[in-house]
Amino acid sequence: MPHLSKPFPAQRIEDLISMAAIETSSAVRLVLASTLQRLPLERRADLALALVSRAEDATDHNLPSMVWFGLIPLGDSAPMDLVRVAEKCLWPATLNAIARRLAESSSRAPEAFEALTSISSAQPAALRKAVLNGLSEGYQGWRKATKPGSWNRFIVGLDGDSTSTRQISELNILFGEGRSADELRGVVGDSKSDPRTRLNALERLIEMRASGLRQICEDLLDVRHLTKAALQGLSFFDDPGLGPLLAGRYQKFSPEDRPGLVTVLASRPVFARALLNRMKSGLIPRGDLTAFHARQIEAFKDAGLSFELREVWGRIQPTDRQANHCPIPAYAPFLQNGWIICFRFPGFYPGLVCSAPWGHEPSQSLPMPQSLSNILLHLIFSTKDRQPWLEKGVREKAHAFLAGAVRQCECEASITKKNTTTPAPSRRNTEPFLPNN
């Protein structure tokens, strides 16, 4: 958020920079760091340089973060200014944040990222590890990135601990690093390797469509943290033999991974048939197949599959976009305490039915299978202090008005009170009360 006070005079900014270089009080330096957010963007790096070059504040609890808060906008407006600060920075926490930001924007500002790795190559190992941590955090979730030219020089001597070794290995895979598919297979097959490193290597193999990918993915289906990626790799193979194989291992999958398996099995006709056969045998619960998956199978236009789907799971009721987005007229009559107006939209099965006065627990709740295809809309009106304000004649006309409006939307209406459901007023009795529009 921009500061709304009068901007700093140019001479005052120079005074602040000079003070930051010689000030002995850490409290005053903290005030100077907080002033960064009030300076023009083009002068922030100058004041930050004077602060981050002071080694005595490297482990301060507040200063590294406060300086970074003032530098954040430079990631978009002047990334090379961040590189200038990183070159003189002796604070690992601030250096970590700068590296993370430049890694995140490396596709938009590659020259700044290249410059960062180049100047960091000459820094001590402790500071380079801070940069390495930032790069690892900034590239989380990336599948591929351009390798900086000074990368090999940057990582020299940084693989002395397990964390740095893992981070370098992950980034090497991300950068390509000339690794062959054979090397990636070795990483994936090494059960002692870091799980995230194995996952990155497997994703890279899938992206490359490497030879032997099917067997690799089949072998990794039982490895918990690699199951989802292995399923993704197998989904590229239109092999009838894979369907029974995957469906037959359904019970071995964890509950968290089973929805992904059902999605893969419903993605191809040759897989879907194996899925329905296992459901018919009771080996895969019918409820694990959602309405989304059922519609996906129906969309294959395979008469045999559609018949099996109806036999095993049920019929998919055709829907209508207009019915699904049925407009509700803008009126709100005052109804007596406890009345519930139920609209059942066409194209849907009956769903949850609740019969209870407002504020009380429902006396009956019926199960709602195929929940994505069952919609029952309840409109509940309750007057202040639940007083019966409407007389009998007025109430009947209000109900007729509501029922008529609902029927205009091609919906069914019923009125529920005290566990009793009664038909809504007849069409003949509702016509005089239909909305004009």
Foldseek 3Di string as FASTA:
>chain_A
DADDDDADDPVVLVVLQVCLQDPPDVVVVQVSLLCLLHHPLVSSLSSLLSNQLDQVCQPPPPRLVSNLVSNVVCLPVPLLSLLVSLLRGNHLVNVLQNLLSCLLCCVVVVVSNLSNLVSQLPPDLVSLVSSLNSNLNNCPPQLADADHPCVVSSCVPNCPDPVSVLSVLLVCLRNPVVDDLVVLLVQLPDPPHDLVSNQSSLLSCLVVVPPPLLVSLVVCCLPQSNNLSSLVSNLVDPDLVVLLVLLVCLVSHDPVCNLSSLVSLLQDQSNVVNNLVCLVVVNDPLQSQAPVSLVSNVVVVDPVSQVSCCVRRRDQFDDDPCQVCQDADPDDDAAAWFKKKKKFTPRADAAWDFATTPPDHGPDTDHGGNVVRHDIDIDHHADVVRDHPDDPVRNLLVQLLRQQQSVVSVIAIWMHHPNDIDGGDDPVVNVVNYDPD
